Structure formats: C-alpha cells, structure tokens
C-alpha cells in the first residue's frame, strides 16, 4: 500500500502485526492502539499498549513480542466487538533509545485472525528523527471497516503521540528545592515614655439647696392589654445531607517499562511499588533459521517452570511436567495457568505469583525447558515479561544459545530482608556429559537447591 491508500477489511477479527528486521544498532519498538471518538480518546482506558494490554471492552489487546530475524509485536482487534461509538482505531509504534531512521524493513500488516490471510500491508521507508509513528488506522465507513496507511511521525515519543490524542500521561514530579525559613531580625521592646503626674485638684465643698418635695399627681388606672397568643412554633426540618465527596480524577497513564540486561540485571519489586496483588510472569517465544526445529515452526514446545523455597523451609516446583500446576491462594502461592504445547497461544505460558504472601517467600527460580520440537535452544528466542500490579512491566530476553542446552534459567526472585528483588539470569544450562536429559538436575546443582528431583512421568 502507498501512504494515504485504504482497503476494505472483510473480517470479524484481525491481528495487527508490527515488524522490522533485527540487527546490531537497531532499537526496540512497541506497538500500541488508540480507540477514538471524534478524533480523541474518551478516557485513558482507550489506550492499549504494553502497560495497559487490554481494552475494557475486550475488543483490543496487546499480544506481546516475538524475537527472531524479524521482530514482531502484535495487536489483536475483534472488530465485531468494538463499541459502536468508536470510529477509528489508530495503530502506532514507539521506540526509546533511538529513532525510526535506524529501523530496516519496518512494516505493519493486517491479518484475518481466522486464517492468517493478509488483508493489508504498509511498508514505511521515509522515517527520520521520529521516536513515535502512526503507521495506519482502522476506521468505519457506512458500517464496514477499512484500513488506511498513514505514516505520520512524532519527535516527542510515545508520550507526545498519546497526549496528542487526549491521553493524560504520568510525568515524573519536579524536584522541589529546599528553602530555609526566613530569619527574623531582633527588635528591642519599646521603652515607656515618662509622663509627669496630673496637677492636684482643689477641694470645693458642695453647696446644697433646699427643694420642697413634689406633690403626687392623680394618674388614671392603666389600660387593659389585649391577649396575644404566642407565635407559632417552627416545624422541624432535618439538616440537608452532606455533599457527596468529589470523585478523584483517574491516575494518568504510566509509559514506564523496565528492561533487565547484563549491564543492569536487577530491580526491586518492593521499591517499584509492587507490594501486593498477582504478578504474572509471561513467556513467549519464536524461532529463526538454524533452530534445529523438527516439523513445523509452531510445534516448538517450551515449558515455563519454577522452583520455590518458602520461609519455613518448604521446597518444591511448579511445572507442567507431572501436572504440578500449583495454587495461588495456598502454599506455594504460585500457579501455572496452562501448558502451551505449540507456542500458538497468543498469551504464551504464564506463572502467577501472589505477592500478597511476599513474607512467606524466600526465593523463586524461574526457568524454561525445551520439551519437544527442537534439539536445543539454538535459534530460539524467548521474551520473559513480569507484570506486577502498580508497577511497570519488567522485560528480559533469552537468545544467543550456541550449544546443546535444552534448559535455561530466566530469573531469580529473592526476599532480601523483606524486600523482593528480581535478578535477570537468562543463562543456558548444559546437561552433564552423557546425560542429555539431566539439565534440570544441573540447575538444581548450580543454584544450590537442596532437593532431589525425580524423573518426570511426562505431561499426559
């Protein structure tokens, strides 16, 4: 498609795919969507992006990122479910740490979600200093949906783009300067002025005159007063009810995202504000050429697992192997939501950790195992994202395997004096020589977990 062109979208649900070529010096990008009425959002809820991944209506959601030779960030839109007053859904991209001039092969595709048929594609090739980009938009015309290629950039990043459409963005508060109190000058108390005493008064004896007593005069009796009844008593009226408290304005949208790297591998959940609620740990993956994949690409099966140690010394694991799915409200307060056998699930695999029970955790080791579909992790890229409540999402990337590892440690979460700290590992674990299936046992040895793990009985 050329910029400004439009095409019909004859589908009930579509997948919007933002893609670009991976390479050295290429920054990361994130897809987002804004639902507009009259050219503006109705509220901050109409902004769908990595920190707010689903619209309240359920019609639009951010499905996450897949790494490979081509990096994909995906949105899902159920057009049949979009509220009737919504006229336009803007499809945007943003980057931090660079500009869109550094991207190669940047495009947006619209796919029929039912059969993956491509309905529209727009390749962007003229970006320069922009840090946010409107690539296209879905819009209604006479009851039908169309897609238009836009290609409009912003130098002010995602915050500038969001603000332009009516989103209130959470800016960091300004630093307040300390101002010492003003010093008061000393003022001596006023001295009273001397005043001489008043002159002495001369005594003058009083002169008394004789006055004859007055003769009483005749007074008629007083006039009789008419009876006047007392005024009517006022009727009781209850006091008016107090005014309803004003509804505080909603908190502005936070655009913050935390990426853990080798250079900056740790973050405190407690200091970031994640002191309760359910934290989701999400694993998504993709493959590239040379992955040693057996059969079809989507047959790759990675398992998201964890070991846990509670403060009372209890040890255990949560993993699809042996059907150990855990429990969110009883020990271990960790639960695996599903076993995605193919990687075809839009939401990947997820571990939920109940941070309301932080005081019971000593440490949690999150790892992944390759169950089937490839010989090892070579050519496999995985993205791990932690979604704590009241805090920014935390991302880390696992890639670059060069050996026969079939297991990898993703992160360690430790309770350090009441403070929950996440440490990125993203380390591939080779099995001991001659024991190709003993990678999990090697994790236990390397990370000093004092329990023996039995051979798995499989998933069925």
Protein backbone atom coordinates (compact mmCIF):
# COMPACT_ATOMS: atom_id res chain seq x y z
CA UNK A 1 0.00 0.00 0.00
CA UNK A 2 1.07 3.59 -0.62
CA UNK A 3 0.78 6.20 2.11
CA UNK A 4 -2.80 7.50 2.23
CA UNK A 5 -4.29 4.48 0.45
CA UNK A 6 -7.11 2.46 2.02
CA UNK A 7 -8.51 -1.03 1.59
CA UNK A 8 -11.62 -2.82 2.95
CA UNK A 9 -11.18 -5.20 5.90
CA UNK A 10 -13.71 -8.03 5.38
CA UNK A 11 -13.08 -9.88 8.66
CA UNK A 12 -14.69 -10.07 12.07
CA UNK A 13 -11.34 -10.13 13.88
CA UNK A 14 -7.85 -9.15 12.77
CA UNK A 15 -4.29 -9.43 14.01
CA UNK A 16 -2.16 -6.30 13.55
CA UNK A 17 1.49 -7.21 13.10
CA UNK A 18 4.23 -4.59 13.55
CA UNK A 19 7.52 -5.98 12.20
CA UNK A 20 11.11 -4.97 11.50
CA UNK A 21 14.48 -6.61 10.84
CA UNK A 22 16.66 -7.42 13.84
CA UNK A 23 20.26 -6.25 13.72
CA UNK A 24 23.07 -4.56 15.54
CA UNK A 25 22.27 -0.98 16.49
CA UNK A 26 18.53 -1.39 15.85
CA UNK A 27 16.49 -0.13 18.83
CA UNK A 28 13.42 -1.86 20.20
CA UNK A 29 9.90 -0.76 19.27
CA UNK A 30 6.46 -1.26 20.80
CA UNK A 31 3.04 -1.43 19.15
CA UNK A 32 0.03 0.40 20.58
CA UNK A 33 -3.58 1.21 19.68
CA UNK A 34 -5.86 4.17 20.46
CA UNK A 35 -9.65 3.93 20.18
CA UNK A 36 -11.04 7.29 19.06
CA UNK A 37 -14.41 9.03 19.13
CA UNK A 38 -14.38 12.34 17.26
CA UNK A 39 -10.61 12.17 16.89
CA UNK A 40 -9.87 11.78 20.62
CA UNK A 41 -9.94 9.04 23.23
CA UNK A 42 -12.89 9.06 25.64
CA UNK A 43 -10.60 8.23 28.59
CA UNK A 44 -7.16 6.80 29.25
CA UNK A 45 -8.74 3.33 29.04
CA UNK A 46 -8.92 3.76 25.25
CA UNK A 47 -5.10 3.42 25.07
CA UNK A 48 -3.86 -0.18 24.61
CA UNK A 49 -0.12 -0.76 24.95
CA UNK A 50 2.46 -2.76 26.94
CA UNK A 51 1.48 -1.19 30.29
CA UNK A 52 -2.28 -1.46 29.61
CA UNK A 53 -2.53 -4.57 27.43
CA UNK A 54 -6.31 -4.94 27.12
CA UNK A 55 -9.22 -2.59 26.45
CA UNK A 56 -12.08 -2.83 28.99
CA UNK A 57 -14.44 -3.94 26.22
CA UNK A 58 -12.18 -6.88 25.38
CA UNK A 59 -12.16 -5.82 21.72
CA UNK A 60 -8.48 -4.83 21.53
CA UNK A 61 -5.48 -6.37 23.25
CA UNK A 62 -1.70 -6.25 23.05
CA UNK A 63 -0.47 -9.82 22.45
CA UNK A 64 3.25 -9.29 23.00
CA UNK A 65 6.52 -9.57 21.17
CA UNK A 66 8.33 -12.35 19.33
CA UNK A 67 12.06 -12.15 18.61
CA UNK A 68 13.76 -13.61 15.58
CA UNK A 69 15.33 -12.48 12.31
CA UNK A 70 12.18 -10.40 12.01
CA UNK A 71 10.92 -8.99 15.32
CA UNK A 72 7.15 -8.90 15.67
CA UNK A 73 4.92 -7.00 18.09
CA UNK A 74 1.27 -7.92 17.73
CA UNK A 75 -2.17 -6.45 18.50
CA UNK A 76 -5.47 -8.32 18.27
CA UNK A 77 -8.70 -6.49 17.32
CA UNK A 78 -12.12 -8.10 17.44
CA UNK A 79 -13.89 -5.74 15.05
CA UNK A 80 -17.28 -7.27 15.76
CA UNK A 81 -16.84 -6.40 19.45
CA UNK A 82 -15.68 -2.77 19.06
CA UNK A 83 -18.17 -0.39 20.70
CA UNK A 84 -20.42 1.29 18.11
CA UNK A 85 -19.36 4.83 19.08
CA UNK A 86 -15.70 4.09 18.31
CA UNK A 87 -14.97 5.39 14.83
CA UNK A 88 -11.22 4.87 14.48
CA UNK A 89 -8.50 2.62 15.90
CA UNK A 90 -5.08 4.18 15.44
CA UNK A 91 -2.17 1.74 15.07
CA UNK A 92 1.07 3.25 16.33
CA UNK A 93 4.66 2.33 17.15
CA UNK A 94 7.16 3.92 19.52
CA UNK A 95 10.84 3.47 20.31
CA UNK A 96 13.21 4.55 23.06
CA UNK A 97 16.97 4.73 22.75
CA UNK A 98 16.92 5.62 19.07
CA UNK A 99 14.82 6.88 16.16
CA UNK A 100 12.88 5.19 13.38
CA UNK A 101 15.61 6.10 10.89
CA UNK A 102 17.60 3.19 12.42
CA UNK A 103 14.93 0.60 11.53
CA UNK A 104 15.13 -1.61 8.46
CA UNK A 105 12.09 -3.20 6.87
CA UNK A 106 9.57 -1.55 9.20
CA UNK A 107 6.03 -2.55 8.25
CA UNK A 108 2.51 -3.07 9.55
CA UNK A 109 0.29 -5.93 8.38
CA UNK A 110 -3.39 -6.63 8.91
CA UNK A 111 -4.17 -10.37 9.02
CA UNK A 112 -7.51 -12.14 9.16
CA UNK A 113 -7.35 -13.72 12.62
CA UNK A 114 -9.39 -16.71 11.43
CA UNK A 115 -6.96 -17.94 8.75
CA UNK A 116 -3.89 -15.61 8.82
CA UNK A 117 -4.72 -14.27 5.34
CA UNK A 118 -3.00 -10.91 4.71
CA UNK A 119 -5.61 -8.19 4.17
CA UNK A 120 -3.32 -5.14 4.07
CA UNK A 121 0.37 -4.25 4.36
CA UNK A 122 2.13 -0.89 4.59
CA UNK A 123 5.93 -0.64 4.45
CA UNK A 124 7.36 2.52 6.00
CA UNK A 125 10.57 3.77 4.39
CA UNK A 126 10.76 7.53 4.95
CA UNK A 127 11.22 7.84 8.73
CA UNK A 128 13.94 10.18 10.02
CA UNK A 129 14.12 11.59 13.57
CA UNK A 130 10.74 10.28 14.75
CA UNK A 131 10.50 8.35 18.01
CA UNK A 132 6.80 7.51 17.60
CA UNK A 133 4.89 6.69 14.45
CA UNK A 134 1.26 6.30 13.39
CA UNK A 135 1.55 3.55 10.80
CA UNK A 136 -2.12 3.10 10.00
CA UNK A 137 -5.68 3.15 11.22
CA UNK A 138 -8.79 1.00 11.13
CA UNK A 139 -11.90 3.10 10.56
CA UNK A 140 -15.63 2.66 9.91
CA UNK A 141 -17.33 3.67 6.68
CA UNK A 142 -21.06 3.00 6.28
CA UNK A 143 -20.97 0.15 8.78
CA UNK A 144 -17.90 -1.55 7.27
CA UNK A 145 -14.26 -1.44 8.38
CA UNK A 146 -11.35 -0.20 6.30
CA UNK A 147 -7.60 0.18 6.83
CA UNK A 148 -5.69 3.31 5.82
CA UNK A 149 -1.89 3.63 5.57
CA UNK A 150 -0.88 6.80 7.47
CA UNK A 151 2.88 7.11 8.08
CA UNK A 152 2.83 10.16 10.39
CA UNK A 153 5.73 10.61 12.82
CA UNK A 154 6.33 12.32 16.17
CA UNK A 155 9.66 13.52 17.59
CA UNK A 156 8.18 13.55 21.11
CA UNK A 157 7.93 9.78 21.55
CA UNK A 158 5.00 7.77 22.82
CA UNK A 159 4.17 10.45 25.39
CA UNK A 160 3.77 13.09 22.68
CA UNK A 161 1.69 10.83 20.47
CA UNK A 162 -0.57 9.76 23.36
CA UNK A 163 -1.03 13.33 24.57
CA UNK A 164 -1.99 14.45 21.06
CA UNK A 165 -4.95 12.06 21.14
CA UNK A 166 -6.11 13.12 24.62
CA UNK A 167 -4.24 10.71 26.94
CA UNK A 168 -3.07 12.14 30.27
CA UNK A 169 0.50 10.90 30.69
CA UNK A 170 2.18 10.44 34.05
CA UNK A 171 5.22 12.71 34.11
CA UNK A 172 7.84 12.44 36.83
CA UNK A 173 7.25 15.04 39.56
CA UNK A 174 9.53 18.04 39.57
CA UNK A 175 12.22 18.20 42.23
CA UNK A 176 11.39 20.63 44.99
CA UNK A 177 14.14 22.93 46.19
CA UNK A 178 14.61 23.31 49.91
CA UNK A 179 14.03 26.83 51.11
CA UNK A 180 15.14 27.61 54.67
CA UNK A 181 12.75 29.71 56.77
CA UNK A 182 13.43 33.46 56.78
CA UNK A 183 15.47 34.74 59.75
CA UNK A 184 13.66 37.24 61.95
CA UNK A 185 15.50 40.43 62.95
CA UNK A 186 15.72 41.19 66.65
CA UNK A 187 13.74 44.31 67.70
CA UNK A 188 14.13 45.55 71.34
CA UNK A 189 10.85 46.21 73.16
CA UNK A 190 9.69 49.83 73.15
CA UNK A 191 10.57 51.78 76.37
CA UNK A 192 7.62 53.64 78.03
CA UNK A 193 7.97 57.45 77.97
CA UNK A 194 7.90 59.30 81.30
CA UNK A 195 4.70 61.32 81.93
CA UNK A 196 4.51 63.78 84.96
CA UNK A 197 1.62 63.23 87.40
CA UNK A 198 -1.50 65.40 86.84
CA UNK A 199 -1.74 68.62 89.00
CA UNK A 200 -3.50 68.27 92.41
CA UNK A 201 -7.18 69.31 92.42
CA UNK A 202 -8.50 71.91 94.94
CA UNK A 203 -11.33 70.71 97.25
CA UNK A 204 -14.64 72.58 96.86
CA UNK A 205 -17.37 71.75 99.38
CA UNK A 206 -20.76 71.08 97.74
CA UNK A 207 -23.49 73.74 98.05
CA UNK A 208 -26.87 72.15 98.90
CA UNK A 209 -30.16 73.99 98.01
CA UNK A 210 -33.45 73.15 99.75
CA UNK A 211 -36.08 71.68 97.44
CA UNK A 212 -39.65 71.08 98.54
CA UNK A 213 -40.94 67.50 97.98
CA UNK A 214 -43.17 67.17 94.86
CA UNK A 215 -46.96 66.77 95.30
CA UNK A 216 -48.31 63.45 93.88
CA UNK A 217 -50.42 63.90 90.73
CA UNK A 218 -53.54 61.83 90.00
CA UNK A 219 -52.90 59.01 87.46
CA UNK A 220 -55.78 57.05 85.86
CA UNK A 221 -55.65 53.23 86.05
CA UNK A 222 -53.64 51.55 83.25
CA UNK A 223 -55.42 50.46 80.09
CA UNK A 224 -56.23 46.73 79.95
CA UNK A 225 -53.93 44.89 77.46
CA UNK A 226 -55.41 42.60 74.79
CA UNK A 227 -54.30 38.93 74.89
CA UNK A 228 -51.94 38.00 72.07
CA UNK A 229 -51.29 34.27 71.55
CA UNK A 230 -47.62 33.22 71.33
CA UNK A 231 -46.17 32.90 67.80
CA UNK A 232 -46.49 29.51 66.06
CA UNK A 233 -43.66 27.08 66.70
CA UNK A 234 -41.47 26.39 63.61
CA UNK A 235 -41.81 22.96 62.05
CA UNK A 236 -38.71 20.64 62.35
CA UNK A 237 -36.77 20.25 59.16
CA UNK A 238 -33.86 17.75 59.09
CA UNK A 239 -30.50 19.20 58.05
CA UNK A 240 -29.58 18.69 54.37
CA UNK A 241 -27.36 15.67 53.66
CA UNK A 242 -23.63 16.42 53.31
CA UNK A 243 -22.44 16.83 49.73
CA UNK A 244 -21.09 13.69 48.10
CA UNK A 245 -17.28 13.55 48.09
CA UNK A 246 -15.78 14.60 44.80
CA UNK A 247 -14.59 11.69 42.66
CA UNK A 248 -10.81 11.97 42.31
CA UNK A 249 -9.58 12.11 38.73
CA UNK A 250 -8.14 8.81 37.43
CA UNK A 251 -4.40 8.34 37.68
CA UNK A 252 -2.61 9.29 34.46
CA UNK A 253 -1.18 6.55 32.25
CA UNK A 254 2.38 5.48 33.02
CA UNK A 255 4.57 4.76 29.98
CA UNK A 256 7.45 3.35 32.01
CA UNK A 257 8.89 -0.07 31.11
CA UNK A 258 11.86 -1.78 32.76
CA UNK A 259 14.31 -3.83 30.68
CA UNK A 260 16.75 -6.03 32.58
CA UNK A 261 20.08 -6.51 30.79
CA UNK A 262 23.53 -7.93 31.57
CA UNK A 263 24.64 -4.42 32.50
CA UNK A 264 21.55 -3.70 34.66
CA UNK A 265 20.27 -7.12 35.79
CA UNK A 266 18.29 -6.36 38.97
CA UNK A 267 15.24 -4.42 40.11
CA UNK A 268 13.43 -4.21 43.45
CA UNK A 269 9.75 -5.06 43.16
CA UNK A 270 9.13 -3.59 46.61
CA UNK A 271 10.74 -0.22 45.83
CA UNK A 272 8.92 -0.14 42.48
CA UNK A 273 5.58 -0.26 44.30
CA UNK A 274 4.72 -3.94 43.65
CA UNK A 275 3.76 -4.81 47.22
CA UNK A 276 0.71 -6.98 46.58
CA UNK A 277 -1.64 -8.48 44.04
CA UNK A 278 -0.92 -11.15 41.45
CA UNK A 279 2.24 -10.75 39.37
CA UNK A 280 2.11 -12.55 36.03
CA UNK A 281 5.34 -13.99 34.58
CA UNK A 282 4.82 -14.44 30.83
CA UNK A 283 6.94 -16.47 28.41
CA UNK A 284 6.62 -16.04 24.63
CA UNK A 285 8.95 -17.47 22.02
CA UNK A 286 9.76 -17.76 18.34
CA UNK A 287 12.41 -19.44 16.18
CA UNK A 288 14.81 -18.48 13.44
CA UNK A 289 16.64 -20.39 10.76
CA UNK A 290 19.08 -22.91 12.16
CA UNK A 291 16.95 -23.69 15.18
CA UNK A 292 17.05 -27.42 14.56
CA UNK A 293 13.26 -27.42 14.58
CA UNK A 294 11.55 -30.72 13.83
CA UNK A 295 8.48 -30.38 11.61
CA UNK A 296 6.53 -27.14 11.63
CA UNK A 297 7.66 -23.93 13.32
CA UNK A 298 4.67 -23.80 15.62
CA UNK A 299 5.36 -27.33 17.01
CA UNK A 300 8.05 -25.99 19.39
CA UNK A 301 7.04 -26.67 23.00
CA UNK A 302 8.74 -24.68 25.77
CA UNK A 303 7.69 -25.16 29.39
CA UNK A 304 7.70 -22.30 31.90
CA UNK A 305 8.61 -23.66 35.34
CA UNK A 306 9.88 -22.59 38.73
CA UNK A 307 11.45 -23.89 41.91
CA UNK A 308 10.35 -22.26 45.15
CA UNK A 309 11.60 -22.13 48.72
CA UNK A 310 9.30 -20.74 51.40
CA UNK A 311 10.43 -19.04 54.57
CA UNK A 312 9.54 -22.16 56.60
CA UNK A 313 11.98 -24.24 54.53
CA UNK A 314 9.40 -25.89 52.26
CA UNK A 315 10.83 -26.68 48.81
CA UNK A 316 9.05 -27.63 45.60
CA UNK A 317 8.42 -26.95 41.93
CA UNK A 318 5.63 -25.71 39.70
CA UNK A 319 5.78 -27.16 36.17
CA UNK A 320 3.63 -28.85 33.57
CA UNK A 321 5.74 -31.99 33.92
CA UNK A 322 3.94 -34.28 36.39
CA UNK A 323 0.97 -31.84 36.28
CA UNK A 324 2.29 -29.69 39.12
CA UNK A 325 0.31 -26.52 38.41
CA UNK A 326 0.49 -25.05 41.95
CA UNK A 327 -2.03 -22.98 43.91
CA UNK A 328 -2.40 -19.21 44.03
CA UNK A 329 -4.10 -18.87 47.44
CA UNK A 330 -2.42 -21.69 49.36
CA UNK A 331 1.26 -22.70 49.52
CA UNK A 332 3.21 -22.26 47.33
CA UNK A 333 1.07 -19.19 46.29
CA UNK A 334 2.27 -19.77 42.68
CA UNK A 335 0.22 -21.17 39.81
CA UNK A 336 0.92 -22.18 36.19
CA UNK A 337 -2.07 -21.18 34.05
CA UNK A 338 -1.63 -23.53 31.07
CA UNK A 339 0.68 -25.72 29.08
CA UNK A 340 1.09 -24.20 25.59
CA UNK A 341 2.25 -27.18 23.54
CA UNK A 342 2.94 -25.28 20.31
CA UNK A 343 3.65 -21.61 21.02
CA UNK A 344 0.45 -20.85 19.10
CA UNK A 345 -1.24 -19.35 22.16
CA UNK A 346 -1.25 -15.55 21.88
CA UNK A 347 -0.55 -15.21 25.59
CA UNK A 348 2.16 -17.89 25.76
CA UNK A 349 2.67 -19.59 29.12
CA UNK A 350 2.20 -17.77 32.41
CA UNK A 351 3.18 -18.21 36.03
CA UNK A 352 1.09 -16.21 38.50
CA UNK A 353 2.76 -15.27 41.80
CA UNK A 354 0.58 -13.93 44.63
CA UNK A 355 2.58 -11.05 46.13
CA UNK A 356 0.04 -10.70 48.95
CA UNK A 357 2.09 -13.54 50.51
CA UNK A 358 5.50 -11.98 49.95
CA UNK A 359 6.50 -12.58 53.58
CA UNK A 360 6.25 -16.36 53.02
CA UNK A 361 8.67 -16.44 50.05
CA UNK A 362 12.41 -16.98 50.47
CA UNK A 363 13.35 -17.40 46.81
CA UNK A 364 11.84 -18.39 43.46
CA UNK A 365 13.89 -19.60 40.49
CA UNK A 366 12.10 -19.23 37.15
CA UNK A 367 13.34 -21.42 34.30
CA UNK A 368 12.25 -22.89 30.98
CA UNK A 369 12.76 -26.33 29.47
CA UNK A 370 12.51 -27.39 25.86
CA UNK A 371 10.08 -30.30 25.91
CA UNK A 372 9.89 -31.14 22.22
CA UNK A 373 10.06 -29.69 18.72
CA UNK A 374 13.79 -28.85 18.53
CA UNK A 375 17.11 -30.42 19.51
CA UNK A 376 18.22 -27.48 21.67
CA UNK A 377 17.87 -23.72 22.17
CA UNK A 378 19.98 -22.71 19.17
CA UNK A 379 17.87 -20.40 17.00
CA UNK A 380 15.19 -20.00 19.68
CA UNK A 381 14.38 -16.53 21.08
CA UNK A 382 12.19 -16.07 24.13
CA UNK A 383 10.88 -12.97 25.88
CA UNK A 384 10.08 -13.06 29.57
CA UNK A 385 7.85 -10.28 30.93
CA UNK A 386 6.87 -9.78 34.56
CA UNK A 387 3.62 -7.85 35.05
CA UNK A 388 3.44 -6.71 38.70
CA UNK A 389 0.46 -4.74 40.00
CA UNK A 390 1.08 -0.98 40.48
CA UNK A 391 4.47 -1.17 38.79
CA UNK A 392 5.94 -1.08 35.30
CA UNK A 393 6.35 -4.36 33.38
CA UNK A 394 9.80 -5.93 33.56
CA UNK A 395 11.24 -7.45 30.36
CA UNK A 396 14.21 -9.68 29.65
CA UNK A 397 15.28 -11.55 26.50
CA UNK A 398 16.73 -15.05 26.20
CA UNK A 399 18.66 -15.73 22.99
CA UNK A 400 22.09 -16.49 21.55
CA UNK A 401 22.41 -20.16 22.50
CA UNK A 402 25.49 -21.76 20.91
CA UNK A 403 25.47 -25.25 22.47
CA UNK A 404 23.19 -28.22 23.11
CA UNK A 405 21.32 -26.69 26.08
CA UNK A 406 17.69 -27.70 26.47
CA UNK A 407 17.13 -25.78 29.71
CA UNK A 408 17.66 -22.15 30.69
CA UNK A 409 17.37 -20.17 33.93
CA UNK A 410 15.40 -16.98 33.31
CA UNK A 411 15.33 -15.09 36.63
CA UNK A 412 15.70 -15.43 40.37
CA UNK A 413 13.31 -13.64 42.76
CA UNK A 414 14.60 -13.32 46.31
CA UNK A 415 13.23 -11.97 49.58
CA UNK A 416 16.09 -9.92 50.99
CA UNK A 417 15.17 -8.60 54.44
CA UNK A 418 11.55 -8.17 53.40
CA UNK A 419 12.40 -6.62 50.02
CA UNK A 420 11.52 -8.69 46.94
CA UNK A 421 14.28 -8.37 44.30
CA UNK A 422 14.27 -9.73 40.71
CA UNK A 423 17.61 -10.70 39.18
CA UNK A 424 17.93 -11.48 35.46
CA UNK A 425 19.79 -14.69 34.65
CA UNK A 426 18.89 -15.69 31.05
CA UNK A 427 21.55 -18.42 31.23
CA UNK A 428 21.54 -21.59 29.15
CA UNK A 429 22.25 -24.74 31.16
CA UNK A 430 24.11 -27.60 29.50
CA UNK A 431 23.36 -31.09 30.77
CA UNK A 432 26.21 -33.14 32.28
CA UNK A 433 28.24 -35.16 29.78
CA UNK A 434 26.45 -38.31 28.78
CA UNK A 435 23.16 -37.22 30.42
CA UNK A 436 21.30 -35.23 27.77
CA UNK A 437 18.08 -35.11 29.78
CA UNK A 438 19.62 -34.00 33.07
CA UNK A 439 19.54 -30.23 32.53
CA UNK A 440 17.01 -29.62 35.33
CA UNK A 441 19.16 -31.59 37.77
CA UNK A 442 22.09 -29.40 36.70
CA UNK A 443 20.06 -26.27 37.52
CA UNK A 444 19.47 -27.69 40.99
CA UNK A 445 23.20 -28.30 41.46
CA UNK A 446 24.38 -24.94 40.10
CA UNK A 447 21.85 -22.88 42.08
CA UNK A 448 22.16 -24.87 45.35
CA UNK A 449 18.65 -26.23 45.80
CA UNK A 450 18.65 -28.95 48.43
CA UNK A 451 16.26 -31.46 46.96
CA UNK A 452 16.31 -34.34 44.56
CA UNK A 453 14.05 -34.26 41.55
CA UNK A 454 12.53 -37.47 40.26
CA UNK A 455 12.38 -38.41 36.62
CA UNK A 456 9.24 -36.93 35.09
CA UNK A 457 6.29 -39.07 34.08
CA UNK A 458 5.52 -36.81 31.13
CA UNK A 459 2.57 -34.46 30.58
CA UNK A 460 -0.16 -36.94 29.67
